[in-house]
N, C-alpha and C. Protein backbone atom coordinates (compact mmCIF):
# COMPACT_ATOMS: atom_id res chain seq x y z
N MET A 1 -6.87 -7.18 67.45
CA MET A 1 -6.71 -7.18 66.00
C MET A 1 -6.86 -8.61 65.46
N ARG A 2 -6.24 -9.53 66.16
CA ARG A 2 -6.28 -10.93 65.72
C ARG A 2 -7.71 -11.47 65.78
N ASP A 3 -8.47 -11.08 66.80
CA ASP A 3 -9.85 -11.53 66.92
C ASP A 3 -10.71 -11.00 65.77
N ALA A 4 -10.44 -9.76 65.37
CA ALA A 4 -11.20 -9.16 64.27
C ALA A 4 -10.93 -9.91 62.97
N VAL A 5 -9.69 -10.27 62.74
CA VAL A 5 -9.32 -11.02 61.53
C VAL A 5 -9.97 -12.40 61.56
N THR A 6 -9.97 -13.03 62.72
CA THR A 6 -10.58 -14.35 62.85
C THR A 6 -12.08 -14.29 62.58
N LYS A 7 -12.74 -13.29 63.14
CA LYS A 7 -14.19 -13.13 62.91
C LYS A 7 -14.49 -12.88 61.44
N GLN A 8 -13.66 -12.06 60.80
CA GLN A 8 -13.87 -11.78 59.39
C GLN A 8 -13.64 -13.04 58.55
N ALA A 9 -12.64 -13.82 58.88
CA ALA A 9 -12.38 -15.07 58.16
C ALA A 9 -13.54 -16.04 58.33
N GLN A 10 -14.11 -16.09 59.53
CA GLN A 10 -15.26 -16.96 59.77
C GLN A 10 -16.47 -16.48 58.96
N ALA A 11 -16.66 -15.18 58.87
CA ALA A 11 -17.78 -14.65 58.09
C ALA A 11 -17.61 -14.98 56.61
N VAL A 12 -16.39 -14.84 56.10
CA VAL A 12 -16.13 -15.17 54.69
C VAL A 12 -16.35 -16.66 54.45
N ALA A 13 -15.93 -17.50 55.37
CA ALA A 13 -16.12 -18.94 55.23
C ALA A 13 -17.60 -19.30 55.23
N ALA A 14 -18.39 -18.65 56.10
CA ALA A 14 -19.83 -18.90 56.14
C ALA A 14 -20.49 -18.46 54.84
N TRP A 15 -20.07 -17.30 54.32
CA TRP A 15 -20.62 -16.81 53.05
C TRP A 15 -20.29 -17.77 51.91
N LEU A 16 -19.04 -18.24 51.87
CA LEU A 16 -18.61 -19.15 50.82
C LEU A 16 -19.37 -20.47 50.89
N GLN A 17 -19.58 -20.97 52.09
CA GLN A 17 -20.34 -22.21 52.25
C GLN A 17 -21.77 -22.03 51.76
N ALA A 18 -22.39 -20.90 52.10
CA ALA A 18 -23.77 -20.64 51.65
C ALA A 18 -23.83 -20.55 50.13
N ARG A 19 -22.85 -19.90 49.52
CA ARG A 19 -22.82 -19.79 48.05
C ARG A 19 -22.65 -21.16 47.39
N LEU A 20 -21.80 -21.98 47.97
CA LEU A 20 -21.57 -23.30 47.39
C LEU A 20 -22.80 -24.19 47.53
N MET A 21 -23.53 -24.05 48.61
CA MET A 21 -24.71 -24.89 48.82
C MET A 21 -25.86 -24.51 47.89
N THR A 22 -25.92 -23.24 47.47
CA THR A 22 -26.98 -22.80 46.56
C THR A 22 -26.55 -22.89 45.11
N GLY A 23 -25.37 -23.36 44.86
CA GLY A 23 -24.89 -23.48 43.49
C GLY A 23 -24.44 -22.15 42.92
N GLY A 24 -24.25 -21.13 43.76
CA GLY A 24 -23.80 -19.83 43.29
C GLY A 24 -24.90 -18.97 42.71
N ARG A 25 -26.13 -19.49 42.72
CA ARG A 25 -27.23 -18.72 42.16
C ARG A 25 -27.94 -17.96 43.27
N GLU A 26 -28.23 -16.73 42.98
CA GLU A 26 -29.02 -15.96 43.93
C GLU A 26 -30.47 -16.03 43.49
N ARG A 27 -31.33 -16.35 44.40
CA ARG A 27 -32.74 -16.40 44.08
C ARG A 27 -33.39 -15.12 44.55
N GLY A 28 -34.09 -14.47 43.64
CA GLY A 28 -34.74 -13.22 43.98
C GLY A 28 -36.24 -13.32 43.81
N ASP A 29 -36.88 -12.24 44.09
CA ASP A 29 -38.33 -12.17 43.97
C ASP A 29 -38.66 -11.73 42.54
N MET A 30 -38.71 -12.68 41.61
CA MET A 30 -38.92 -12.36 40.21
C MET A 30 -40.28 -11.71 39.98
N VAL A 31 -41.30 -12.21 40.65
CA VAL A 31 -42.63 -11.64 40.48
C VAL A 31 -42.63 -10.17 40.91
N GLY A 32 -41.95 -9.86 41.98
CA GLY A 32 -41.86 -8.48 42.45
C GLY A 32 -41.18 -7.58 41.45
N TRP A 33 -40.08 -8.05 40.85
CA TRP A 33 -39.38 -7.23 39.86
C TRP A 33 -40.21 -7.02 38.62
N VAL A 34 -40.93 -8.04 38.19
CA VAL A 34 -41.81 -7.90 37.03
C VAL A 34 -42.90 -6.88 37.34
N LEU A 35 -43.47 -6.97 38.53
CA LEU A 35 -44.52 -6.03 38.92
C LEU A 35 -43.99 -4.60 38.95
N ILE A 36 -42.82 -4.39 39.50
CA ILE A 36 -42.22 -3.06 39.54
C ILE A 36 -41.99 -2.53 38.12
N THR A 37 -41.49 -3.39 37.23
CA THR A 37 -41.23 -2.97 35.86
C THR A 37 -42.51 -2.60 35.13
N VAL A 38 -43.55 -3.42 35.28
CA VAL A 38 -44.82 -3.15 34.62
C VAL A 38 -45.45 -1.87 35.17
N MET A 39 -45.40 -1.70 36.48
CA MET A 39 -45.99 -0.49 37.08
C MET A 39 -45.23 0.76 36.64
N THR A 40 -43.91 0.68 36.53
CA THR A 40 -43.12 1.82 36.08
C THR A 40 -43.46 2.16 34.63
N ALA A 41 -43.57 1.15 33.79
CA ALA A 41 -43.93 1.39 32.39
C ALA A 41 -45.32 2.00 32.28
N ALA A 42 -46.25 1.53 33.09
CA ALA A 42 -47.61 2.09 33.07
C ALA A 42 -47.60 3.54 33.53
N LEU A 43 -46.85 3.84 34.56
CA LEU A 43 -46.76 5.21 35.05
C LEU A 43 -46.17 6.15 34.00
N VAL A 44 -45.13 5.71 33.33
CA VAL A 44 -44.52 6.51 32.27
C VAL A 44 -45.52 6.72 31.12
N ALA A 45 -46.25 5.68 30.75
CA ALA A 45 -47.23 5.81 29.67
C ALA A 45 -48.34 6.80 30.03
N VAL A 46 -48.82 6.73 31.26
CA VAL A 46 -49.89 7.66 31.68
C VAL A 46 -49.36 9.09 31.71
N LEU A 47 -48.18 9.28 32.28
CA LEU A 47 -47.62 10.63 32.33
C LEU A 47 -47.35 11.17 30.93
N TRP A 48 -46.87 10.32 30.05
CA TRP A 48 -46.60 10.74 28.67
C TRP A 48 -47.89 11.14 27.96
N ALA A 49 -48.96 10.37 28.18
CA ALA A 49 -50.24 10.67 27.55
C ALA A 49 -50.83 11.98 28.07
N VAL A 50 -50.70 12.21 29.37
CA VAL A 50 -51.30 13.41 29.97
C VAL A 50 -50.43 14.64 29.74
N LEU A 51 -49.13 14.50 29.91
CA LEU A 51 -48.23 15.66 29.87
C LEU A 51 -47.43 15.78 28.59
N GLY A 52 -47.66 14.89 27.62
CA GLY A 52 -46.87 14.90 26.39
C GLY A 52 -46.80 16.24 25.68
N PRO A 53 -47.94 16.87 25.38
CA PRO A 53 -47.88 18.16 24.68
C PRO A 53 -47.17 19.26 25.49
N GLN A 54 -47.39 19.28 26.79
CA GLN A 54 -46.71 20.29 27.62
C GLN A 54 -45.20 20.04 27.66
N LEU A 55 -44.81 18.79 27.76
CA LEU A 55 -43.38 18.47 27.78
C LEU A 55 -42.72 18.80 26.45
N ARG A 56 -43.43 18.54 25.35
CA ARG A 56 -42.89 18.86 24.03
C ARG A 56 -42.68 20.36 23.90
N GLN A 57 -43.67 21.15 24.33
CA GLN A 57 -43.57 22.61 24.25
C GLN A 57 -42.44 23.12 25.15
N LEU A 58 -42.32 22.56 26.33
CA LEU A 58 -41.26 22.95 27.25
C LEU A 58 -39.89 22.68 26.65
N LEU A 59 -39.72 21.53 26.03
CA LEU A 59 -38.45 21.19 25.39
C LEU A 59 -38.16 22.11 24.21
N GLU A 60 -39.16 22.38 23.39
CA GLU A 60 -38.96 23.27 22.24
C GLU A 60 -38.59 24.67 22.70
N ASP A 61 -39.25 25.19 23.74
CA ASP A 61 -38.93 26.51 24.26
C ASP A 61 -37.49 26.56 24.79
N ALA A 62 -37.09 25.52 25.51
CA ALA A 62 -35.73 25.47 26.06
C ALA A 62 -34.69 25.43 24.94
N LEU A 63 -34.96 24.63 23.92
CA LEU A 63 -34.01 24.55 22.81
C LEU A 63 -33.95 25.86 22.04
N ASN A 64 -35.09 26.50 21.85
CA ASN A 64 -35.10 27.79 21.16
C ASN A 64 -34.33 28.85 21.95
N ARG A 65 -34.49 28.85 23.27
CA ARG A 65 -33.76 29.81 24.09
C ARG A 65 -32.27 29.52 24.04
N ALA A 66 -31.90 28.26 24.01
CA ALA A 66 -30.47 27.91 23.94
C ALA A 66 -29.87 28.34 22.61
N ARG A 67 -30.67 28.31 21.55
CA ARG A 67 -30.20 28.74 20.22
C ARG A 67 -30.24 30.26 20.08
N GLY A 68 -30.92 30.92 20.98
CA GLY A 68 -31.02 32.37 20.91
C GLY A 68 -32.28 32.83 20.21
N SER A 69 -33.17 31.91 19.87
CA SER A 69 -34.43 32.27 19.21
C SER A 69 -35.45 32.66 20.26
N ILE A 70 -36.40 33.46 19.88
CA ILE A 70 -37.49 33.84 20.77
C ILE A 70 -38.66 32.86 20.53
N PRO A 71 -39.17 32.21 21.59
CA PRO A 71 -40.28 31.26 21.40
C PRO A 71 -41.55 31.97 20.96
N SER A 72 -42.32 31.27 20.15
CA SER A 72 -43.55 31.88 19.65
C SER A 72 -44.70 31.70 20.60
């Protein structure tokens, strides 16, 4: 039990030292995140353009059924 606590304390100390040496800032792959965001937006735009009318009709039918109306 004591060895496990010692190992955990050493791991925390190593993590703290690494954080202090980097100034507490985490550096990430900004270009990768921008690329993922742009690709996701492009995918949504393409799907919306292709499936927009079908999705609109599907939503209207579902809402009409929920209200008790018969879809036309």
